[in-house]
Amino acid sequence: MSGRSELGTRFVIGPLLLLSIFGVYYLDGHYTHGRVSAALLGLLAVLGVFEYVAMFRHAGFPVARAHLLGATVLLCGSAFVFGWAQLDRELYPLVVVTMGLLFPLALRGLAPERMASGLEEMGGTLLGFLLIAWPMYLAQGVALRDPESVFFVVMVSKFGDIGAYLSGVCFGRHKLIPHVSPGKTIEGAAGSVVVSCAMSVWLSRTLLPPDVRLTLTGAVLVGIMINATTQIGDLVESLLKRRCGVKDSSRMLPAHGGVLDLIDSLLFSFPAYFLVLVSLT
């Protein structure tokens, strides 16, 4: 796809994705109380895991696809069992499903024919589960506790991405971490922080309900936290793609890549915000 064609595709798909986010926000805010967001986040987790398995297997790394997909479906499905009011009970599935994933892999790794790949299979499978399924499960918890907070995290994170792109194009001179992501610059990262903090301050005053309201200092700190975890998530996914020798996690979204490319910035920011939400409510 040529640069001009790709840019045009982005200008079509980007607004459509934004409209979809607003539509989900409207439904959850008026009718479904976070269940649509939680269902969508669960679906993104399953699709993201599927892309992860495809990338790793393409690069020659062993991953137990059926075990990983099954555990992800089970974990994300369990998010709808609880009322998300008692933190200890809500975290049971993380422990139970993780051990349920690890135990059969450990047993299978003891077989003589798997001596050469058993540990790698356990590591690759658990990495996908911890990196994708865990964060999206906690994102579901955010949705079912406070639907507005999902929109808050997504907007602060994604507008930070936009700020990084614009700042990088206009002022970018010094590479941030070229061996992982050659296009990212220190100036872009700084611009991303500024935009995320501005969005956090604005949305915390206009969007979040009274029991989740933040002070000005708190909103700035949360903006920094979300932005830092957003940039780290993006870099970690870039590292995975570089190690697997692919440009995008898939071709599901033209000019945008795959689901993992869409949610990479949320993989650390949602768990971080989940802790903030729990402490406030």
C-alpha atoms as a PDB file:
ATOM      1  CA  MET A   1       0.000   0.000   0.000  1.00  0.00           C
ATOM      2  CA  SER A   2       1.450   3.409  -1.007  1.00  0.00           C
ATOM      3  CA  GLY A   3       1.995   6.134   1.585  1.00  0.00           C
ATOM      4  CA  ARG A   4      -0.804   8.317   0.211  1.00  0.00           C
ATOM      5  CA  SER A   5      -3.228   5.384   0.011  1.00  0.00           C
ATOM      6  CA  GLU A   6      -2.312   4.283   3.536  1.00  0.00           C
ATOM      7  CA  LEU A   7      -2.874   7.797   4.881  1.00  0.00           C
ATOM      8  CA  GLY A   8      -6.289   7.932   3.209  1.00  0.00           C
ATOM      9  CA  THR A   9      -7.223   4.572   4.684  1.00  0.00           C
ATOM     10  CA  ARG A  10      -6.203   5.787   8.132  1.00  0.00           C
ATOM     11  CA  PHE A  11      -8.419   8.852   7.750  1.00  0.00           C
ATOM     12  CA  VAL A  12     -11.362   6.534   7.034  1.00  0.00           C
ATOM     13  CA  ILE A  13     -10.789   3.778   9.577  1.00  0.00           C
ATOM     14  CA  GLY A  14      -9.614   6.092  12.384  1.00  0.00           C
ATOM     15  CA  PRO A  15     -12.893   8.063  12.605  1.00  0.00           C
ATOM     16  CA  LEU A  16     -14.908   4.839  12.270  1.00  0.00           C
ATOM     17  CA  LEU A  17     -13.076   3.361  15.242  1.00  0.00           C
ATOM     18  CA  LEU A  18     -13.654   6.573  17.181  1.00  0.00           C
ATOM     19  CA  LEU A  19     -17.374   6.518  16.348  1.00  0.00           C
ATOM     20  CA  SER A  20     -17.525   2.899  17.500  1.00  0.00           C
ATOM     21  CA  ILE A  21     -15.958   3.879  20.828  1.00  0.00           C
ATOM     22  CA  PHE A  22     -18.512   6.666  21.273  1.00  0.00           C
ATOM     23  CA  GLY A  23     -21.338   4.240  20.390  1.00  0.00           C
ATOM     24  CA  VAL A  24     -20.192   1.716  22.991  1.00  0.00           C
ATOM     25  CA  TYR A  25     -19.796   4.508  25.539  1.00  0.00           C
ATOM     26  CA  TYR A  26     -23.372   5.681  24.884  1.00  0.00           C
ATOM     27  CA  LEU A  27     -24.830   2.194  25.217  1.00  0.00           C
ATOM     28  CA  ASP A  28     -22.968   1.436  28.425  1.00  0.00           C
ATOM     29  CA  GLY A  29     -23.718   4.830  29.915  1.00  0.00           C
ATOM     30  CA  HIS A  30     -27.476   4.609  29.303  1.00  0.00           C
ATOM     31  CA  TYR A  31     -28.495   0.978  28.991  1.00  0.00           C
ATOM     32  CA  THR A  32     -25.951  -1.806  29.420  1.00  0.00           C
ATOM     33  CA  HIS A  33     -23.845  -0.573  32.371  1.00  0.00           C
ATOM     34  CA  GLY A  34     -20.453  -1.655  31.077  1.00  0.00           C
ATOM     35  CA  ARG A  35     -21.425  -5.058  29.702  1.00  0.00           C
ATOM     36  CA  VAL A  36     -20.939  -4.087  26.041  1.00  0.00           C
ATOM     37  CA  SER A  37     -17.473  -2.707  26.787  1.00  0.00           C
ATOM     38  CA  ALA A  38     -16.597  -5.809  28.786  1.00  0.00           C
ATOM     39  CA  ALA A  39     -17.788  -8.104  25.985  1.00  0.00           C
ATOM     40  CA  LEU A  40     -15.826  -6.118  23.391  1.00  0.00           C
ATOM     41  CA  LEU A  41     -12.690  -6.183  25.554  1.00  0.00           C
ATOM     42  CA  GLY A  42     -13.045  -9.941  25.950  1.00  0.00           C
ATOM     43  CA  LEU A  43     -13.368 -10.361  22.190  1.00  0.00           C
ATOM     44  CA  LEU A  44     -10.278  -8.211  21.616  1.00  0.00           C
ATOM     45  CA  ALA A  45      -8.390 -10.381  24.119  1.00  0.00           C
ATOM     46  CA  VAL A  46      -9.239 -13.568  22.211  1.00  0.00           C
ATOM     47  CA  LEU A  47      -8.336 -12.016  18.838  1.00  0.00           C
ATOM     48  CA  GLY A  48      -5.129 -10.579  20.285  1.00  0.00           C
ATOM     49  CA  VAL A  49      -4.118 -13.978  21.661  1.00  0.00           C
ATOM     50  CA  PHE A  50      -4.857 -15.574  18.284  1.00  0.00           C
ATOM     51  CA  GLU A  51      -2.531 -13.052  16.602  1.00  0.00           C
ATOM     52  CA  TYR A  52       0.110 -13.620  19.273  1.00  0.00           C
ATOM     53  CA  VAL A  53       0.075 -17.368  18.634  1.00  0.00           C
ATOM     54  CA  ALA A  54       0.300 -16.847  14.873  1.00  0.00           C
ATOM     55  CA  MET A  55       3.267 -14.471  15.219  1.00  0.00           C
ATOM     56  CA  PHE A  56       5.180 -16.714  17.589  1.00  0.00           C
ATOM     57  CA  ARG A  57       4.578 -19.886  15.610  1.00  0.00           C
ATOM     58  CA  HIS A  58       5.595 -18.113  12.405  1.00  0.00           C
ATOM     59  CA  ALA A  59       8.886 -17.223  14.111  1.00  0.00           C
ATOM     60  CA  GLY A  60       9.411 -20.832  15.229  1.00  0.00           C
ATOM     61  CA  PHE A  61       8.518 -20.419  18.905  1.00  0.00           C
ATOM     62  CA  PRO A  62       6.361 -23.186  20.399  1.00  0.00           C
ATOM     63  CA  VAL A  63       3.038 -21.992  21.848  1.00  0.00           C
ATOM     64  CA  ALA A  64       0.141 -24.176  23.007  1.00  0.00           C
ATOM     65  CA  ARG A  65      -2.593 -22.545  20.937  1.00  0.00           C
ATOM     66  CA  ALA A  66      -5.606 -24.532  22.172  1.00  0.00           C
ATOM     67  CA  HIS A  67      -4.579 -24.185  25.830  1.00  0.00           C
ATOM     68  CA  LEU A  68      -3.926 -20.445  25.535  1.00  0.00           C
ATOM     69  CA  LEU A  69      -7.115 -19.650  23.627  1.00  0.00           C
ATOM     70  CA  GLY A  70      -9.203 -21.817  25.951  1.00  0.00           C
ATOM     71  CA  ALA A  71      -7.756 -20.188  29.058  1.00  0.00           C
ATOM     72  CA  THR A  72      -8.338 -16.705  27.598  1.00  0.00           C
ATOM     73  CA  VAL A  73     -11.987 -17.463  26.787  1.00  0.00           C
ATOM     74  CA  LEU A  74     -12.493 -18.920  30.263  1.00  0.00           C
ATOM     75  CA  LEU A  75     -10.871 -15.992  32.043  1.00  0.00           C
ATOM     76  CA  CYS A  76     -12.660 -13.272  30.074  1.00  0.00           C
ATOM     77  CA  GLY A  77     -15.966 -15.133  30.338  1.00  0.00           C
ATOM     78  CA  SER A  78     -15.594 -15.312  34.129  1.00  0.00           C
ATOM     79  CA  ALA A  79     -15.549 -11.504  34.281  1.00  0.00           C
ATOM     80  CA  PHE A  80     -19.355 -11.570  33.934  1.00  0.00           C
ATOM     81  CA  VAL A  81     -19.820 -13.958  36.877  1.00  0.00           C
ATOM     82  CA  PHE A  82     -18.891 -11.452  39.577  1.00  0.00           C
ATOM     83  CA  GLY A  83     -20.380  -8.098  40.501  1.00  0.00           C
ATOM     84  CA  TRP A  84     -16.927  -6.511  40.710  1.00  0.00           C
ATOM     85  CA  ALA A  85     -17.568  -5.247  44.203  1.00  0.00           C
ATOM     86  CA  GLN A  86     -15.262  -7.550  46.201  1.00  0.00           C
ATOM     87  CA  LEU A  87     -11.712  -7.454  44.931  1.00  0.00           C
ATOM     88  CA  ASP A  88     -10.557 -10.746  46.442  1.00  0.00           C
ATOM     89  CA  ARG A  89     -13.263 -12.823  44.737  1.00  0.00           C
ATOM     90  CA  GLU A  90     -12.768 -11.011  41.437  1.00  0.00           C
ATOM     91  CA  LEU A  91      -9.082 -11.955  41.406  1.00  0.00           C
ATOM     92  CA  TYR A  92      -9.709 -15.660  41.994  1.00  0.00           C
ATOM     93  CA  PRO A  93     -10.052 -16.387  38.247  1.00  0.00           C
ATOM     94  CA  LEU A  94      -6.624 -14.883  37.556  1.00  0.00           C
ATOM     95  CA  VAL A  95      -5.000 -17.380  39.918  1.00  0.00           C
ATOM     96  CA  VAL A  96      -7.214 -20.378  39.172  1.00  0.00           C
ATOM     97  CA  VAL A  97      -7.143 -20.093  35.370  1.00  0.00           C
ATOM     98  CA  THR A  98      -3.415 -19.335  35.314  1.00  0.00           C
ATOM     99  CA  MET A  99      -2.645 -22.443  37.343  1.00  0.00           C
ATOM    100  CA  GLY A 100      -5.110 -24.382  35.206  1.00  0.00           C
ATOM    101  CA  LEU A 101      -3.107 -23.289  32.171  1.00  0.00           C
ATOM    102  CA  LEU A 102       0.313 -23.952  33.685  1.00  0.00           C
ATOM    103  CA  PHE A 103      -0.332 -27.402  35.213  1.00  0.00           C
ATOM    104  CA  PRO A 104      -1.167 -29.359  32.022  1.00  0.00           C
ATOM    105  CA  LEU A 105       1.666 -27.622  30.168  1.00  0.00           C
ATOM    106  CA  ALA A 106       4.066 -28.645  32.924  1.00  0.00           C
ATOM    107  CA  LEU A 107       2.851 -32.241  32.750  1.00  0.00           C
ATOM    108  CA  ARG A 108       3.137 -32.289  28.974  1.00  0.00           C
ATOM    109  CA  GLY A 109       6.649 -30.882  29.197  1.00  0.00           C
ATOM    110  CA  LEU A 110       7.760 -33.938  31.169  1.00  0.00           C
ATOM    111  CA  ALA A 111       7.264 -36.220  28.161  1.00  0.00           C
ATOM    112  CA  PRO A 112      10.554 -37.441  26.612  1.00  0.00           C
ATOM    113  CA  GLU A 113       9.675 -36.109  23.151  1.00  0.00           C
ATOM    114  CA  ARG A 114       9.125 -32.605  24.573  1.00  0.00           C
ATOM    115  CA  MET A 115      12.396 -32.250  26.467  1.00  0.00           C
ATOM    116  CA  ALA A 116      13.713 -29.907  23.789  1.00  0.00           C
ATOM    117  CA  SER A 117      10.689 -27.601  23.659  1.00  0.00           C
ATOM    118  CA  GLY A 118       8.594 -28.094  26.824  1.00  0.00           C
ATOM    119  CA  LEU A 119      10.026 -25.162  28.791  1.00  0.00           C
ATOM    120  CA  GLU A 120       9.894 -22.850  25.766  1.00  0.00           C
ATOM    121  CA  GLU A 121       6.262 -23.814  25.167  1.00  0.00           C
ATOM    122  CA  MET A 122       5.364 -23.069  28.791  1.00  0.00           C
ATOM    123  CA  GLY A 123       7.188 -19.729  28.630  1.00  0.00           C
ATOM    124  CA  GLY A 124       5.704 -18.647  25.310  1.00  0.00           C
ATOM    125  CA  THR A 125       2.180 -19.684  26.296  1.00  0.00           C
ATOM    126  CA  LEU A 126       2.283 -18.039  29.722  1.00  0.00           C
ATOM    127  CA  LEU A 127       3.776 -14.854  28.269  1.00  0.00           C
ATOM    128  CA  GLY A 128       0.807 -14.492  25.937  1.00  0.00           C
ATOM    129  CA  PHE A 129      -1.633 -15.147  28.763  1.00  0.00           C
ATOM    130  CA  LEU A 130      -0.034 -12.675  31.171  1.00  0.00           C
ATOM    131  CA  LEU A 131       0.606 -10.036  28.528  1.00  0.00           C
ATOM    132  CA  ILE A 132      -2.807 -10.087  26.851  1.00  0.00           C
ATOM    133  CA  ALA A 133      -5.464 -12.036  28.770  1.00  0.00           C
ATOM    134  CA  TRP A 134      -4.646 -10.680  32.246  1.00  0.00           C
ATOM    135  CA  PRO A 135      -4.732  -6.979  31.265  1.00  0.00           C
ATOM    136  CA  MET A 136      -7.913  -7.359  29.234  1.00  0.00           C
ATOM    137  CA  TYR A 137      -9.605  -9.184  32.117  1.00  0.00           C
ATOM    138  CA  LEU A 138      -8.730  -6.267  34.410  1.00  0.00           C
ATOM    139  CA  ALA A 139      -9.983  -3.893  31.696  1.00  0.00           C
ATOM    140  CA  GLN A 140     -13.276  -5.790  31.817  1.00  0.00           C
ATOM    141  CA  GLY A 141     -13.265  -5.195  35.564  1.00  0.00           C
ATOM    142  CA  VAL A 142     -12.863  -1.465  34.963  1.00  0.00           C
ATOM    143  CA  ALA A 143     -15.792  -1.571  32.525  1.00  0.00           C
ATOM    144  CA  LEU A 144     -18.075  -3.408  34.935  1.00  0.00           C
ATOM    145  CA  ARG A 145     -17.097  -1.217  37.883  1.00  0.00           C
ATOM    146  CA  ASP A 146     -17.246   2.151  36.102  1.00  0.00           C
ATOM    147  CA  PRO A 147     -17.942   2.272  32.324  1.00  0.00           C
ATOM    148  CA  GLU A 148     -16.887   5.917  32.075  1.00  0.00           C
ATOM    149  CA  SER A 149     -13.398   4.951  33.196  1.00  0.00           C
ATOM    150  CA  VAL A 150     -12.937   2.737  30.124  1.00  0.00           C
ATOM    151  CA  PHE A 151     -13.565   5.717  27.878  1.00  0.00           C
ATOM    152  CA  PHE A 152     -11.271   7.817  30.086  1.00  0.00           C
ATOM    153  CA  VAL A 153      -8.331   5.398  29.803  1.00  0.00           C
ATOM    154  CA  VAL A 154      -8.800   4.867  26.061  1.00  0.00           C
ATOM    155  CA  MET A 155      -9.005   8.597  25.300  1.00  0.00           C
ATOM    156  CA  VAL A 156      -6.019   9.542  27.495  1.00  0.00           C
ATOM    157  CA  SER A 157      -3.994   6.711  25.974  1.00  0.00           C
ATOM    158  CA  LYS A 158      -4.927   7.164  22.324  1.00  0.00           C
ATOM    159  CA  PHE A 159      -4.673  10.949  22.324  1.00  0.00           C
ATOM    160  CA  GLY A 160      -1.228  10.460  23.821  1.00  0.00           C
ATOM    161  CA  ASP A 161      -0.429   8.366  20.744  1.00  0.00           C
ATOM    162  CA  ILE A 162      -1.659  11.198  18.523  1.00  0.00           C
ATOM    163  CA  GLY A 163       0.438  13.681  20.504  1.00  0.00           C
ATOM    164  CA  ALA A 164       3.498  11.474  20.065  1.00  0.00           C
ATOM    165  CA  TYR A 165       2.975  11.268  16.301  1.00  0.00           C
ATOM    166  CA  LEU A 166       2.472  15.006  15.806  1.00  0.00           C
ATOM    167  CA  SER A 167       5.322  15.987  18.132  1.00  0.00           C
ATOM    168  CA  GLY A 168       7.603  13.470  16.477  1.00  0.00           C
ATOM    169  CA  VAL A 169       6.784  14.748  12.990  1.00  0.00           C
ATOM    170  CA  CYS A 170       7.198  18.413  13.947  1.00  0.00           C
ATOM    171  CA  PHE A 171      10.068  18.316  16.436  1.00  0.00           C
ATOM    172  CA  GLY A 172      11.516  14.792  16.432  1.00  0.00           C
ATOM    173  CA  ARG A 173      15.314  14.789  16.282  1.00  0.00           C
ATOM    174  CA  HIS A 174      16.583  12.319  18.889  1.00  0.00           C
ATOM    175  CA  LYS A 175      15.729   8.617  18.716  1.00  0.00           C
ATOM    176  CA  LEU A 176      14.067   7.154  21.796  1.00  0.00           C
ATOM    177  CA  ILE A 177      14.917   3.452  21.467  1.00  0.00           C
ATOM    178  CA  PRO A 178      15.980   2.820  17.854  1.00  0.00           C
ATOM    179  CA  HIS A 179      16.872  -0.867  18.236  1.00  0.00           C
ATOM    180  CA  VAL A 180      13.219  -1.595  19.074  1.00  0.00           C
ATOM    181  CA  SER A 181      11.238   1.138  17.311  1.00  0.00           C
ATOM    182  CA  PRO A 182      13.336   3.314  14.962  1.00  0.00           C
ATOM    183  CA  GLY A 183      10.545   5.835  14.323  1.00  0.00           C
ATOM    184  CA  LYS A 184       9.978   6.897  17.935  1.00  0.00           C
ATOM    185  CA  THR A 185      11.726  10.012  19.235  1.00  0.00           C
ATOM    186  CA  ILE A 186      12.320  11.591  22.635  1.00  0.00           C
ATOM    187  CA  GLU A 187      10.470  14.705  21.481  1.00  0.00           C
ATOM    188  CA  GLY A 188       7.499  12.581  20.439  1.00  0.00           C
ATOM    189  CA  ALA A 189       7.467  10.821  23.804  1.00  0.00           C
ATOM    190  CA  ALA A 190       7.525  14.182  25.613  1.00  0.00           C
ATOM    191  CA  GLY A 191       4.680  15.528  23.483  1.00  0.00           C
ATOM    192  CA  SER A 192       2.715  12.376  24.214  1.00  0.00           C
ATOM    193  CA  VAL A 193       3.033  12.949  27.975  1.00  0.00           C
ATOM    194  CA  VAL A 194       1.823  16.549  27.664  1.00  0.00           C
ATOM    195  CA  VAL A 195      -1.244  15.606  25.599  1.00  0.00           C
ATOM    196  CA  SER A 196      -2.168  12.714  27.894  1.00  0.00           C
ATOM    197  CA  CYS A 197      -1.919  14.934  30.979  1.00  0.00           C
ATOM    198  CA  ALA A 198      -4.104  17.603  29.326  1.00  0.00           C
ATOM    199  CA  MET A 199      -6.713  14.977  28.392  1.00  0.00           C
ATOM    200  CA  SER A 200      -6.596  13.471  31.877  1.00  0.00           C
ATOM    201  CA  VAL A 201      -7.220  16.846  33.534  1.00  0.00           C
ATOM    202  CA  TRP A 202     -10.074  17.694  31.156  1.00  0.00           C
ATOM    203  CA  LEU A 203     -11.824  14.321  31.175  1.00  0.00           C
ATOM    204  CA  SER A 204     -11.435  13.787  34.916  1.00  0.00           C
ATOM    205  CA  ARG A 205     -13.509  16.941  35.474  1.00  0.00           C
ATOM    206  CA  THR A 206     -16.114  16.364  32.766  1.00  0.00           C
ATOM    207  CA  LEU A 207     -16.440  12.606  32.449  1.00  0.00           C
ATOM    208  CA  LEU A 208     -15.700  10.697  35.634  1.00  0.00           C
ATOM    209  CA  PRO A 209     -18.461  10.345  38.270  1.00  0.00           C
ATOM    210  CA  PRO A 210     -18.124  12.048  41.685  1.00  0.00           C
ATOM    211  CA  ASP A 211     -16.705   8.988  43.461  1.00  0.00           C
ATOM    212  CA  VAL A 212     -13.889   8.730  40.909  1.00  0.00           C
ATOM    213  CA  ARG A 213     -13.114  12.439  40.609  1.00  0.00           C
ATOM    214  CA  LEU A 214      -9.438  13.395  40.766  1.00  0.00           C
ATOM    215  CA  THR A 215      -7.770  16.529  42.077  1.00  0.00           C
ATOM    216  CA  LEU A 216      -5.729  18.544  39.579  1.00  0.00           C
ATOM    217  CA  THR A 217      -2.518  17.000  40.875  1.00  0.00           C
ATOM    218  CA  GLY A 218      -4.100  13.558  40.880  1.00  0.00           C
ATOM    219  CA  ALA A 219      -5.306  13.970  37.295  1.00  0.00           C
ATOM    220  CA  VAL A 220      -1.824  15.011  36.139  1.00  0.00           C
ATOM    221  CA  LEU A 221      -0.232  12.056  37.931  1.00  0.00           C
ATOM    222  CA  VAL A 222      -2.793   9.645  36.474  1.00  0.00           C
ATOM    223  CA  GLY A 223      -2.155  11.142  33.033  1.00  0.00           C
ATOM    224  CA  ILE A 224       1.577  10.535  33.444  1.00  0.00           C
ATOM    225  CA  MET A 225       0.932   6.998  34.681  1.00  0.00           C
ATOM    226  CA  ILE A 226      -1.383   6.115  31.794  1.00  0.00           C
ATOM    227  CA  ASN A 227       0.966   7.672  29.258  1.00  0.00           C
ATOM    228  CA  ALA A 228       4.068   5.927  30.617  1.00  0.00           C
ATOM    229  CA  THR A 229       2.337   2.547  30.614  1.00  0.00           C
ATOM    230  CA  THR A 230       0.902   3.294  27.167  1.00  0.00           C
ATOM    231  CA  GLN A 231       4.330   3.965  25.697  1.00  0.00           C
ATOM    232  CA  ILE A 232       5.835   0.915  27.397  1.00  0.00           C
ATOM    233  CA  GLY A 233       3.043  -1.309  26.065  1.00  0.00           C
ATOM    234  CA  ASP A 234       3.615   0.009  22.566  1.00  0.00           C
ATOM    235  CA  LEU A 235       7.359  -0.611  22.812  1.00  0.00           C
ATOM    236  CA  VAL A 236       6.923  -4.118  24.211  1.00  0.00           C
ATOM    237  CA  GLU A 237       4.633  -5.061  21.322  1.00  0.00           C
ATOM    238  CA  SER A 238       7.172  -3.556  18.912  1.00  0.00           C
ATOM    239  CA  LEU A 239       9.811  -5.769  20.520  1.00  0.00           C
ATOM    240  CA  LEU A 240       7.624  -8.848  20.016  1.00  0.00           C
ATOM    241  CA  LYS A 241       7.038  -8.006  16.362  1.00  0.00           C
ATOM    242  CA  ARG A 242      10.709  -7.296  15.734  1.00  0.00           C
ATOM    243  CA  ARG A 243      11.686 -10.581  17.386  1.00  0.00           C
ATOM    244  CA  CYS A 244       9.091 -12.434  15.303  1.00  0.00           C
ATOM    245  CA  GLY A 245      10.139 -10.665  12.110  1.00  0.00           C
ATOM    246  CA  VAL A 246       6.771  -9.075  11.268  1.00  0.00           C
ATOM    247  CA  LYS A 247       5.697  -5.481  10.649  1.00  0.00           C
ATOM    248  CA  ASP A 248       2.140  -5.833  11.981  1.00  0.00           C
ATOM    249  CA  SER A 249       0.488  -8.398  14.242  1.00  0.00           C
ATOM    250  CA  SER A 250      -1.937  -9.138  11.382  1.00  0.00           C
ATOM    251  CA  ARG A 251      -3.665  -7.438   8.446  1.00  0.00           C
ATOM    252  CA  MET A 252      -7.110  -7.332  10.016  1.00  0.00           C
ATOM    253  CA  LEU A 253      -7.314  -3.516  10.002  1.00  0.00           C
ATOM    254  CA  PRO A 254      -6.005  -1.948   6.764  1.00  0.00           C
ATOM    255  CA  ALA A 255      -3.195   0.579   7.413  1.00  0.00           C
ATOM    256  CA  HIS A 256      -3.541  -0.039  11.164  1.00  0.00           C
ATOM    257  CA  GLY A 257      -2.304  -3.616  11.458  1.00  0.00           C
ATOM    258  CA  GLY A 258      -3.978  -6.127  13.731  1.00  0.00           C
ATOM    259  CA  VAL A 259      -5.817  -6.229  17.028  1.00  0.00           C
ATOM    260  CA  LEU A 260      -2.577  -6.361  19.013  1.00  0.00           C
ATOM    261  CA  ASP A 261      -1.439  -3.210  17.225  1.00  0.00           C
ATOM    262  CA  LEU A 262      -4.709  -1.609  18.313  1.00  0.00           C
ATOM    263  CA  ILE A 263      -4.623  -2.635  21.983  1.00  0.00           C
ATOM    264  CA  ASP A 264      -0.868  -2.705  22.676  1.00  0.00           C
ATOM    265  CA  SER A 265      -0.996   0.718  24.335  1.00  0.00           C
ATOM    266  CA  LEU A 266      -3.700  -0.524  26.732  1.00  0.00           C
ATOM    267  CA  LEU A 267      -2.000  -3.701  27.938  1.00  0.00           C
ATOM    268  CA  PHE A 268      -0.234  -1.962  30.826  1.00  0.00           C
ATOM    269  CA  SER A 269      -2.369   1.170  31.194  1.00  0.00           C
ATOM    270  CA  PHE A 270      -5.587  -0.677  32.077  1.00  0.00           C
ATOM    271  CA  PRO A 271      -4.036  -2.723  34.924  1.00  0.00           C
ATOM    272  CA  ALA A 272      -2.382   0.433  36.265  1.00  0.00           C
ATOM    273  CA  TYR A 273      -5.656   2.363  36.164  1.00  0.00           C
ATOM    274  CA  PHE A 274      -7.494  -0.608  37.691  1.00  0.00           C
ATOM    275  CA  LEU A 275      -5.399  -0.137  40.836  1.00  0.00           C
ATOM    276  CA  VAL A 276      -6.266   3.570  40.883  1.00  0.00           C
ATOM    277  CA  LEU A 277      -9.968   2.830  40.452  1.00  0.00           C
ATOM    278  CA  VAL A 278      -9.954   0.256  43.239  1.00  0.00           C
ATOM    279  CA  SER A 279      -8.185   2.654  45.599  1.00  0.00           C
ATOM    280  CA  LEU A 280     -10.703   5.431  44.844  1.00  0.00           C
ATOM    281  CA  THR A 281     -13.863   3.330  45.115  1.00  0.00           C
END
